[in-house]
Amino acid sequence: MWVRGGDRKHGNYNHKVMVFRSSIIEKIALKAPLYSIRAGYVSPKGTTNSEEHNELMRKYRLDRHTASAHLTALRGLITNSNKHYN
């Protein structure tokens, strides 16, 4: 993945950025139980190319990435059988 923006003086810039991002996600997942937060992993497959994605973009005027994040979060709420989500 090519990371846009920033200074790319080294050939391994993209690798460094991606490793940093994944390490942050792993740290959050490991620290979540300390604060009584349930962390779960959700597959984002199929969130970008769907009719529901296009509907969210039009209805709430979201960009592609925000709409995909919204669908992924909803999928996580549904799969974890959250009592407060209808």
PDB file of N, CA and C in Angstrom:
ATOM      1  N   MET A   1       0.844  -1.178   0.000  1.00  0.00           N
ATOM      2  CA  MET A   1       0.000   0.000   0.000  1.00  0.00           C
ATOM      3  C   MET A   1       0.888   1.239   0.000  1.00  0.00           C
ATOM      4  N   TRP A   2       0.597   2.175  -0.854  1.00  0.00           N
ATOM      5  CA  TRP A   2       1.354   3.410  -0.933  1.00  0.00           C
ATOM      6  C   TRP A   2       0.709   4.431  -0.016  1.00  0.00           C
ATOM      7  N   VAL A   3       1.468   4.956   0.912  1.00  0.00           N
ATOM      8  CA  VAL A   3       0.948   5.918   1.863  1.00  0.00           C
ATOM      9  C   VAL A   3       1.159   7.308   1.291  1.00  0.00           C
ATOM     10  N   ARG A   4       0.097   8.068   1.154  1.00  0.00           N
ATOM     11  CA  ARG A   4       0.180   9.396   0.563  1.00  0.00           C
ATOM     12  C   ARG A   4       0.572  10.437   1.593  1.00  0.00           C
ATOM     13  N   GLY A   5       1.164  11.501   1.105  1.00  0.00           N
ATOM     14  CA  GLY A   5       1.533  12.607   1.981  1.00  0.00           C
ATOM     15  C   GLY A   5       2.793  12.294   2.761  1.00  0.00           C
ATOM     16  N   GLY A   6       3.368  13.312   3.342  1.00  0.00           N
ATOM     17  CA  GLY A   6       4.555  13.112   4.150  1.00  0.00           C
ATOM     18  C   GLY A   6       5.819  13.072   3.308  1.00  0.00           C
ATOM     19  N   ASP A   7       6.932  12.903   3.963  1.00  0.00           N
ATOM     20  CA  ASP A   7       8.227  12.895   3.310  1.00  0.00           C
ATOM     21  C   ASP A   7       8.668  11.448   3.099  1.00  0.00           C
ATOM     22  N   ARG A   8       8.928  11.069   1.863  1.00  0.00           N
ATOM     23  CA  ARG A   8       9.325   9.698   1.532  1.00  0.00           C
ATOM     24  C   ARG A   8      10.788   9.669   1.100  1.00  0.00           C
ATOM     25  N   LYS A   9      11.695   9.898   2.033  1.00  0.00           N
ATOM     26  CA  LYS A   9      13.113   9.942   1.685  1.00  0.00           C
ATOM     27  C   LYS A   9      13.736   8.560   1.609  1.00  0.00           C
ATOM     28  N   HIS A  10      13.123   7.566   2.205  1.00  0.00           N
ATOM     29  CA  HIS A  10      13.697   6.232   2.225  1.00  0.00           C
ATOM     30  C   HIS A  10      12.811   5.261   1.465  1.00  0.00           C
ATOM     31  N   GLY A  11      13.421   4.204   0.962  1.00  0.00           N
ATOM     32  CA  GLY A  11      12.689   3.202   0.198  1.00  0.00           C
ATOM     33  C   GLY A  11      11.735   2.378   1.034  1.00  0.00           C
ATOM     34  N   ASN A  12      12.023   2.248   2.316  1.00  0.00           N
ATOM     35  CA  ASN A  12      11.161   1.436   3.175  1.00  0.00           C
ATOM     36  C   ASN A  12      10.175   2.294   3.976  1.00  0.00           C
ATOM     37  N   TYR A  13       9.876   3.482   3.503  1.00  0.00           N
ATOM     38  CA  TYR A  13       8.970   4.396   4.206  1.00  0.00           C
ATOM     39  C   TYR A  13       7.595   3.772   4.402  1.00  0.00           C
ATOM     40  N   ASN A  14       7.028   3.217   3.337  1.00  0.00           N
ATOM     41  CA  ASN A  14       5.690   2.629   3.424  1.00  0.00           C
ATOM     42  C   ASN A  14       5.656   1.460   4.398  1.00  0.00           C
ATOM     43  N   HIS A  15       6.708   0.659   4.395  1.00  0.00           N
ATOM     44  CA  HIS A  15       6.766  -0.471   5.318  1.00  0.00           C
ATOM     45  C   HIS A  15       6.773   0.022   6.767  1.00  0.00           C
ATOM     46  N   LYS A  16       7.550   1.052   7.040  1.00  0.00           N
ATOM     47  CA  LYS A  16       7.618   1.598   8.395  1.00  0.00           C
ATOM     48  C   LYS A  16       6.263   2.121   8.854  1.00  0.00           C
ATOM     49  N   VAL A  17       5.572   2.813   7.973  1.00  0.00           N
ATOM     50  CA  VAL A  17       4.272   3.383   8.330  1.00  0.00           C
ATOM     51  C   VAL A  17       3.256   2.277   8.583  1.00  0.00           C
ATOM     52  N   MET A  18       3.232   1.251   7.737  1.00  0.00           N
ATOM     53  CA  MET A  18       2.259   0.178   7.905  1.00  0.00           C
ATOM     54  C   MET A  18       2.536  -0.627   9.171  1.00  0.00           C
ATOM     55  N   VAL A  19       3.812  -0.865   9.489  1.00  0.00           N
ATOM     56  CA  VAL A  19       4.151  -1.590  10.715  1.00  0.00           C
ATOM     57  C   VAL A  19       3.746  -0.762  11.928  1.00  0.00           C
ATOM     58  N   PHE A  20       3.963   0.542  11.870  1.00  0.00           N
ATOM     59  CA  PHE A  20       3.570   1.412  12.974  1.00  0.00           C
ATOM     60  C   PHE A  20       2.062   1.367  13.187  1.00  0.00           C
ATOM     61  N   ARG A  21       1.281   1.444  12.111  1.00  0.00           N
ATOM     62  CA  ARG A  21      -0.179   1.403  12.236  1.00  0.00           C
ATOM     63  C   ARG A  21      -0.655   0.088  12.834  1.00  0.00           C
ATOM     64  N   SER A  22      -0.121  -1.028  12.339  1.00  0.00           N
ATOM     65  CA  SER A  22      -0.580  -2.319  12.856  1.00  0.00           C
ATOM     66  C   SER A  22      -0.151  -2.510  14.307  1.00  0.00           C
ATOM     67  N   SER A  23       1.015  -1.964  14.702  1.00  0.00           N
ATOM     68  CA  SER A  23       1.441  -2.103  16.095  1.00  0.00           C
ATOM     69  C   SER A  23       0.543  -1.296  17.027  1.00  0.00           C
ATOM     70  N   ILE A  24       0.066  -0.143  16.566  1.00  0.00           N
ATOM     71  CA  ILE A  24      -0.864   0.654  17.378  1.00  0.00           C
ATOM     72  C   ILE A  24      -2.166  -0.113  17.583  1.00  0.00           C
ATOM     73  N   ILE A  25      -2.677  -0.720  16.527  1.00  0.00           N
ATOM     74  CA  ILE A  25      -3.925  -1.494  16.629  1.00  0.00           C
ATOM     75  C   ILE A  25      -3.737  -2.662  17.590  1.00  0.00           C
ATOM     76  N   GLU A  26      -2.598  -3.341  17.505  1.00  0.00           N
ATOM     77  CA  GLU A  26      -2.341  -4.463  18.406  1.00  0.00           C
ATOM     78  C   GLU A  26      -2.254  -4.003  19.860  1.00  0.00           C
ATOM     79  N   LYS A  27      -1.629  -2.863  20.106  1.00  0.00           N
ATOM     80  CA  LYS A  27      -1.520  -2.353  21.467  1.00  0.00           C
ATOM     81  C   LYS A  27      -2.882  -2.002  22.042  1.00  0.00           C
ATOM     82  N   ILE A  28      -3.740  -1.417  21.209  1.00  0.00           N
ATOM     83  CA  ILE A  28      -5.101  -1.081  21.672  1.00  0.00           C
ATOM     84  C   ILE A  28      -5.860  -2.354  22.022  1.00  0.00           C
ATOM     85  N   ALA A  29      -5.729  -3.371  21.179  1.00  0.00           N
ATOM     86  CA  ALA A  29      -6.433  -4.630  21.430  1.00  0.00           C
ATOM     87  C   ALA A  29      -5.926  -5.305  22.703  1.00  0.00           C
ATOM     88  N   LEU A  30      -4.637  -5.177  22.987  1.00  0.00           N
ATOM     89  CA  LEU A  30      -4.092  -5.800  24.189  1.00  0.00           C
ATOM     90  C   LEU A  30      -4.449  -5.037  25.459  1.00  0.00           C
ATOM     91  N   LYS A  31      -4.544  -3.730  25.393  1.00  0.00           N
ATOM     92  CA  LYS A  31      -4.840  -2.906  26.567  1.00  0.00           C
ATOM     93  C   LYS A  31      -6.333  -2.795  26.876  1.00  0.00           C
ATOM     94  N   ALA A  32      -7.187  -3.116  25.911  1.00  0.00           N
ATOM     95  CA  ALA A  32      -8.633  -2.952  26.086  1.00  0.00           C
ATOM     96  C   ALA A  32      -9.180  -3.699  27.302  1.00  0.00           C
ATOM     97  N   PRO A  33      -8.791  -4.956  27.546  1.00  0.00           N
ATOM     98  CA  PRO A  33      -9.341  -5.644  28.720  1.00  0.00           C
ATOM     99  C   PRO A  33      -8.987  -4.990  30.058  1.00  0.00           C
ATOM    100  N   LEU A  34      -7.892  -4.246  30.106  1.00  0.00           N
ATOM    101  CA  LEU A  34      -7.527  -3.565  31.347  1.00  0.00           C
ATOM    102  C   LEU A  34      -8.546  -2.504  31.729  1.00  0.00           C
ATOM    103  N   TYR A  35      -9.225  -1.958  30.734  1.00  0.00           N
ATOM    104  CA  TYR A  35     -10.228  -0.920  30.968  1.00  0.00           C
ATOM    105  C   TYR A  35     -11.653  -1.449  30.794  1.00  0.00           C
ATOM    106  N   SER A  36     -11.813  -2.753  30.853  1.00  0.00           N
ATOM    107  CA  SER A  36     -13.115  -3.428  30.714  1.00  0.00           C
ATOM    108  C   SER A  36     -13.789  -3.109  29.383  1.00  0.00           C
ATOM    109  N   ILE A  37     -12.991  -3.033  28.347  1.00  0.00           N
ATOM    110  CA  ILE A  37     -13.512  -2.811  26.993  1.00  0.00           C
ATOM    111  C   ILE A  37     -13.333  -4.099  26.214  1.00  0.00           C
ATOM    112  N   ARG A  38     -14.408  -4.563  25.601  1.00  0.00           N
ATOM    113  CA  ARG A  38     -14.335  -5.767  24.789  1.00  0.00           C
ATOM    114  C   ARG A  38     -13.867  -5.400  23.389  1.00  0.00           C
ATOM    115  N   ALA A  39     -12.775  -5.948  22.973  1.00  0.00           N
ATOM    116  CA  ALA A  39     -12.259  -5.693  21.625  1.00  0.00           C
ATOM    117  C   ALA A  39     -12.515  -6.925  20.773  1.00  0.00           C
ATOM    118  N   GLY A  40     -12.994  -6.703  19.575  1.00  0.00           N
ATOM    119  CA  GLY A  40     -13.251  -7.801  18.662  1.00  0.00           C
ATOM    120  C   GLY A  40     -12.747  -7.464  17.279  1.00  0.00           C
ATOM    121  N   TYR A  41     -12.444  -8.476  16.527  1.00  0.00           N
ATOM    122  CA  TYR A  41     -11.962  -8.286  15.164  1.00  0.00           C
ATOM    123  C   TYR A  41     -13.093  -8.565  14.189  1.00  0.00           C
ATOM    124  N   VAL A  42     -13.228  -7.687  13.206  1.00  0.00           N
ATOM    125  CA  VAL A  42     -14.291  -7.804  12.211  1.00  0.00           C
ATOM    126  C   VAL A  42     -13.649  -7.752  10.834  1.00  0.00           C
ATOM    127  N   SER A  43     -14.057  -8.647   9.969  1.00  0.00           N
ATOM    128  CA  SER A  43     -13.538  -8.645   8.611  1.00  0.00           C
ATOM    129  C   SER A  43     -14.228  -7.538   7.808  1.00  0.00           C
ATOM    130  N   PRO A  44     -13.448  -6.636   7.189  1.00  0.00           N
ATOM    131  CA  PRO A  44     -14.056  -5.554   6.406  1.00  0.00           C
ATOM    132  C   PRO A  44     -14.429  -5.969   4.987  1.00  0.00           C
ATOM    133  N   LYS A  45     -14.334  -7.247   4.694  1.00  0.00           N
ATOM    134  CA  LYS A  45     -14.592  -7.724   3.331  1.00  0.00           C
ATOM    135  C   LYS A  45     -16.030  -7.423   2.913  1.00  0.00           C
ATOM    136  N   GLY A  46     -16.174  -6.815   1.756  1.00  0.00           N
ATOM    137  CA  GLY A  46     -17.488  -6.541   1.192  1.00  0.00           C
ATOM    138  C   GLY A  46     -18.148  -5.269   1.682  1.00  0.00           C
ATOM    139  N   THR A  47     -17.433  -4.431   2.419  1.00  0.00           N
ATOM    140  CA  THR A  47     -18.064  -3.211   2.919  1.00  0.00           C
ATOM    141  C   THR A  47     -18.014  -2.076   1.900  1.00  0.00           C
ATOM    142  N   THR A  48     -17.065  -2.104   0.978  1.00  0.00           N
ATOM    143  CA  THR A  48     -16.927  -0.997   0.041  1.00  0.00           C
ATOM    144  C   THR A  48     -17.820  -1.156  -1.186  1.00  0.00           C
ATOM    145  N   ASN A  49     -17.936  -2.354  -1.704  1.00  0.00           N
ATOM    146  CA  ASN A  49     -18.719  -2.568  -2.918  1.00  0.00           C
ATOM    147  C   ASN A  49     -20.061  -3.202  -2.592  1.00  0.00           C
ATOM    148  N   SER A  50     -20.963  -2.386  -2.086  1.00  0.00           N
ATOM    149  CA  SER A  50     -22.297  -2.891  -1.773  1.00  0.00           C
ATOM    150  C   SER A  50     -23.312  -1.763  -1.952  1.00  0.00           C
ATOM    151  N   GLU A  51     -24.555  -2.134  -2.081  1.00  0.00           N
ATOM    152  CA  GLU A  51     -25.615  -1.139  -2.220  1.00  0.00           C
ATOM    153  C   GLU A  51     -25.788  -0.351  -0.921  1.00  0.00           C
ATOM    154  N   GLU A  52     -25.613  -1.030   0.199  1.00  0.00           N
ATOM    155  CA  GLU A  52     -25.728  -0.367   1.502  1.00  0.00           C
ATOM    156  C   GLU A  52     -24.658   0.724   1.654  1.00  0.00           C
ATOM    157  N   HIS A  53     -23.472   0.459   1.121  1.00  0.00           N
ATOM    158  CA  HIS A  53     -22.373   1.428   1.154  1.00  0.00           C
ATOM    159  C   HIS A  53     -22.752   2.671   0.358  1.00  0.00           C
ATOM    160  N   ASN A  54     -23.264   2.475  -0.835  1.00  0.00           N
ATOM    161  CA  ASN A  54     -23.667   3.609  -1.670  1.00  0.00           C
ATOM    162  C   ASN A  54     -24.804   4.395  -1.036  1.00  0.00           C
ATOM    163  N   GLU A  55     -25.735   3.688  -0.409  1.00  0.00           N
ATOM    164  CA  GLU A  55     -26.862   4.345   0.260  1.00  0.00           C
ATOM    165  C   GLU A  55     -26.384   5.218   1.425  1.00  0.00           C
ATOM    166  N   LEU A  56     -25.439   4.698   2.216  1.00  0.00           N
ATOM    167  CA  LEU A  56     -24.879   5.477   3.322  1.00  0.00           C
ATOM    168  C   LEU A  56     -24.158   6.722   2.818  1.00  0.00           C
ATOM    169  N   MET A  57     -23.416   6.575   1.730  1.00  0.00           N
ATOM    170  CA  MET A  57     -22.685   7.713   1.170  1.00  0.00           C
ATOM    171  C   MET A  57     -23.644   8.811   0.734  1.00  0.00           C
ATOM    172  N   ARG A  58     -24.740   8.414   0.098  1.00  0.00           N
ATOM    173  CA  ARG A  58     -25.718   9.410  -0.369  1.00  0.00           C
ATOM    174  C   ARG A  58     -26.519  10.014   0.782  1.00  0.00           C
ATOM    175  N   LYS A  59     -26.979   9.159   1.702  1.00  0.00           N
ATOM    176  CA  LYS A  59     -27.858   9.619   2.773  1.00  0.00           C
ATOM    177  C   LYS A  59     -27.149  10.561   3.746  1.00  0.00           C
ATOM    178  N   TYR A  60     -25.939  10.183   4.176  1.00  0.00           N
ATOM    179  CA  TYR A  60     -25.227  10.961   5.193  1.00  0.00           C
ATOM    180  C   TYR A  60     -24.097  11.803   4.610  1.00  0.00           C
ATOM    181  N   ARG A  61     -23.936  11.785   3.292  1.00  0.00           N
ATOM    182  CA  ARG A  61     -22.885  12.545   2.586  1.00  0.00           C
ATOM    183  C   ARG A  61     -21.499  12.212   3.125  1.00  0.00           C
ATOM    184  N   LEU A  62     -21.216  10.912   3.225  1.00  0.00           N
ATOM    185  CA  LEU A  62     -19.925  10.432   3.718  1.00  0.00           C
ATOM    186  C   LEU A  62     -19.010  10.101   2.551  1.00  0.00           C
ATOM    187  N   ASP A  63     -17.707  10.126   2.802  1.00  0.00           N
ATOM    188  CA  ASP A  63     -16.788   9.665   1.773  1.00  0.00           C
ATOM    189  C   ASP A  63     -16.690   8.142   1.851  1.00  0.00           C
ATOM    190  N   ARG A  64     -15.973   7.550   0.904  1.00  0.00           N
ATOM    191  CA  ARG A  64     -15.887   6.094   0.815  1.00  0.00           C
ATOM    192  C   ARG A  64     -15.347   5.456   2.087  1.00  0.00           C
ATOM    193  N   HIS A  65     -14.293   6.033   2.622  1.00  0.00           N
ATOM    194  CA  HIS A  65     -13.611   5.419   3.752  1.00  0.00           C
ATOM    195  C   HIS A  65     -14.435   5.518   5.041  1.00  0.00           C
ATOM    196  N   THR A  66     -15.100   6.642   5.230  1.00  0.00           N
ATOM    197  CA  THR A  66     -15.932   6.806   6.425  1.00  0.00           C
ATOM    198  C   THR A  66     -17.138   5.881   6.361  1.00  0.00           C
ATOM    199  N   ALA A  67     -17.726   5.743   5.177  1.00  0.00           N
ATOM    200  CA  ALA A  67     -18.870   4.837   5.021  1.00  0.00           C
ATOM    201  C   ALA A  67     -18.442   3.391   5.269  1.00  0.00           C
ATOM    202  N   SER A  68     -17.275   3.005   4.788  1.00  0.00           N
ATOM    203  CA  SER A  68     -16.776   1.648   5.025  1.00  0.00           C
ATOM    204  C   SER A  68     -16.509   1.420   6.510  1.00  0.00           C
ATOM    205  N   ALA A  69     -15.932   2.417   7.183  1.00  0.00           N
ATOM    206  CA  ALA A  69     -15.684   2.293   8.622  1.00  0.00           C
ATOM    207  C   ALA A  69     -16.998   2.164   9.383  1.00  0.00           C
ATOM    208  N   HIS A  70     -18.013   2.900   8.963  1.00  0.00           N
ATOM    209  CA  HIS A  70     -19.329   2.834   9.595  1.00  0.00           C
ATOM    210  C   HIS A  70     -19.927   1.433   9.441  1.00  0.00           C
ATOM    211  N   LEU A  71     -19.854   0.881   8.230  1.00  0.00           N
ATOM    212  CA  LEU A  71     -20.393  -0.463   8.007  1.00  0.00           C
ATOM    213  C   LEU A  71     -19.622  -1.516   8.789  1.00  0.00           C
ATOM    214  N   THR A  72     -18.303  -1.358   8.889  1.00  0.00           N
ATOM    215  CA  THR A  72     -17.494  -2.299   9.652  1.00  0.00           C
ATOM    216  C   THR A  72     -17.857  -2.230  11.140  1.00  0.00           C
ATOM    217  N   ALA A  73     -18.066  -1.021  11.657  1.00  0.00           N
ATOM    218  CA  ALA A  73     -18.458  -0.871  13.065  1.00  0.00           C
ATOM    219  C   ALA A  73     -19.833  -1.485  13.315  1.00  0.00           C
ATOM    220  N   LEU A  74     -20.768  -1.267  12.397  1.00  0.00           N
ATOM    221  CA  LEU A  74     -22.095  -1.878  12.550  1.00  0.00           C
ATOM    222  C   LEU A  74     -22.008  -3.394  12.526  1.00  0.00           C
ATOM    223  N   ARG A  75     -21.166  -3.912  11.658  1.00  0.00           N
ATOM    224  CA  ARG A  75     -20.988  -5.365  11.585  1.00  0.00           C
ATOM    225  C   ARG A  75     -20.430  -5.892  12.912  1.00  0.00           C
ATOM    226  N   GLY A  76     -19.516  -5.148  13.513  1.00  0.00           N
ATOM    227  CA  GLY A  76     -18.962  -5.554  14.802  1.00  0.00           C
ATOM    228  C   GLY A  76     -20.008  -5.525  15.898  1.00  0.00           C
ATOM    229  N   LEU A  77     -20.884  -4.533  15.876  1.00  0.00           N
ATOM    230  CA  LEU A  77     -21.944  -4.456  16.886  1.00  0.00           C
ATOM    231  C   LEU A  77     -22.936  -5.600  16.740  1.00  0.00           C
ATOM    232  N   ILE A  78     -23.251  -5.946  15.507  1.00  0.00           N
ATOM    233  CA  ILE A  78     -24.227  -7.007  15.267  1.00  0.00           C
ATOM    234  C   ILE A  78     -23.639  -8.372  15.617  1.00  0.00           C
ATOM    235  N   THR A  79     -22.385  -8.627  15.234  1.00  0.00           N
ATOM    236  CA  THR A  79     -21.801  -9.948  15.487  1.00  0.00           C
ATOM    237  C   THR A  79     -21.517 -10.180  16.959  1.00  0.00           C
ATOM    238  N   ASN A  80     -21.308  -9.122  17.724  1.00  0.00           N
ATOM    239  CA  ASN A  80     -21.063  -9.284  19.158  1.00  0.00           C
ATOM    240  C   ASN A  80     -22.349  -9.330  19.961  1.00  0.00           C
ATOM    241  N   SER A  81     -23.494  -9.383  19.301  1.00  0.00           N
ATOM    242  CA  SER A  81     -24.829  -9.433  19.910  1.00  0.00           C
ATOM    243  C   SER A  81     -24.979  -8.388  21.003  1.00  0.00           C
ATOM    244  N   ASN A  82     -24.750  -7.150  20.610  1.00  0.00           N
ATOM    245  CA  ASN A  82     -24.861  -6.030  21.532  1.00  0.00           C
ATOM    246  C   ASN A  82     -26.334  -5.805  21.890  1.00  0.00           C
ATOM    247  N   LYS A  83     -26.640  -5.695  23.167  1.00  0.00           N
ATOM    248  CA  LYS A  83     -27.999  -5.552  23.617  1.00  0.00           C
ATOM    249  C   LYS A  83     -28.563  -4.160  23.308  1.00  0.00           C
ATOM    250  N   HIS A  84     -27.694  -3.166  23.214  1.00  0.00           N
ATOM    251  CA  HIS A  84     -28.149  -1.795  23.039  1.00  0.00           C
ATOM    252  C   HIS A  84     -28.327  -1.415  21.585  1.00  0.00           C
ATOM    253  N   TYR A  85     -27.944  -2.271  20.662  1.00  0.00           N
ATOM    254  CA  TYR A  85     -28.050  -1.947  19.236  1.00  0.00           C
ATOM    255  C   TYR A  85     -29.244  -2.667  18.643  1.00  0.00           C
ATOM    256  N   ASN A  86     -30.076  -1.923  17.943  1.00  0.00           N
ATOM    257  CA  ASN A  86     -31.246  -2.539  17.292  1.00  0.00           C
ATOM    258  C   ASN A  86     -31.097  -2.444  15.803  1.00  0.00           C
TER     259      ASN A  86
END
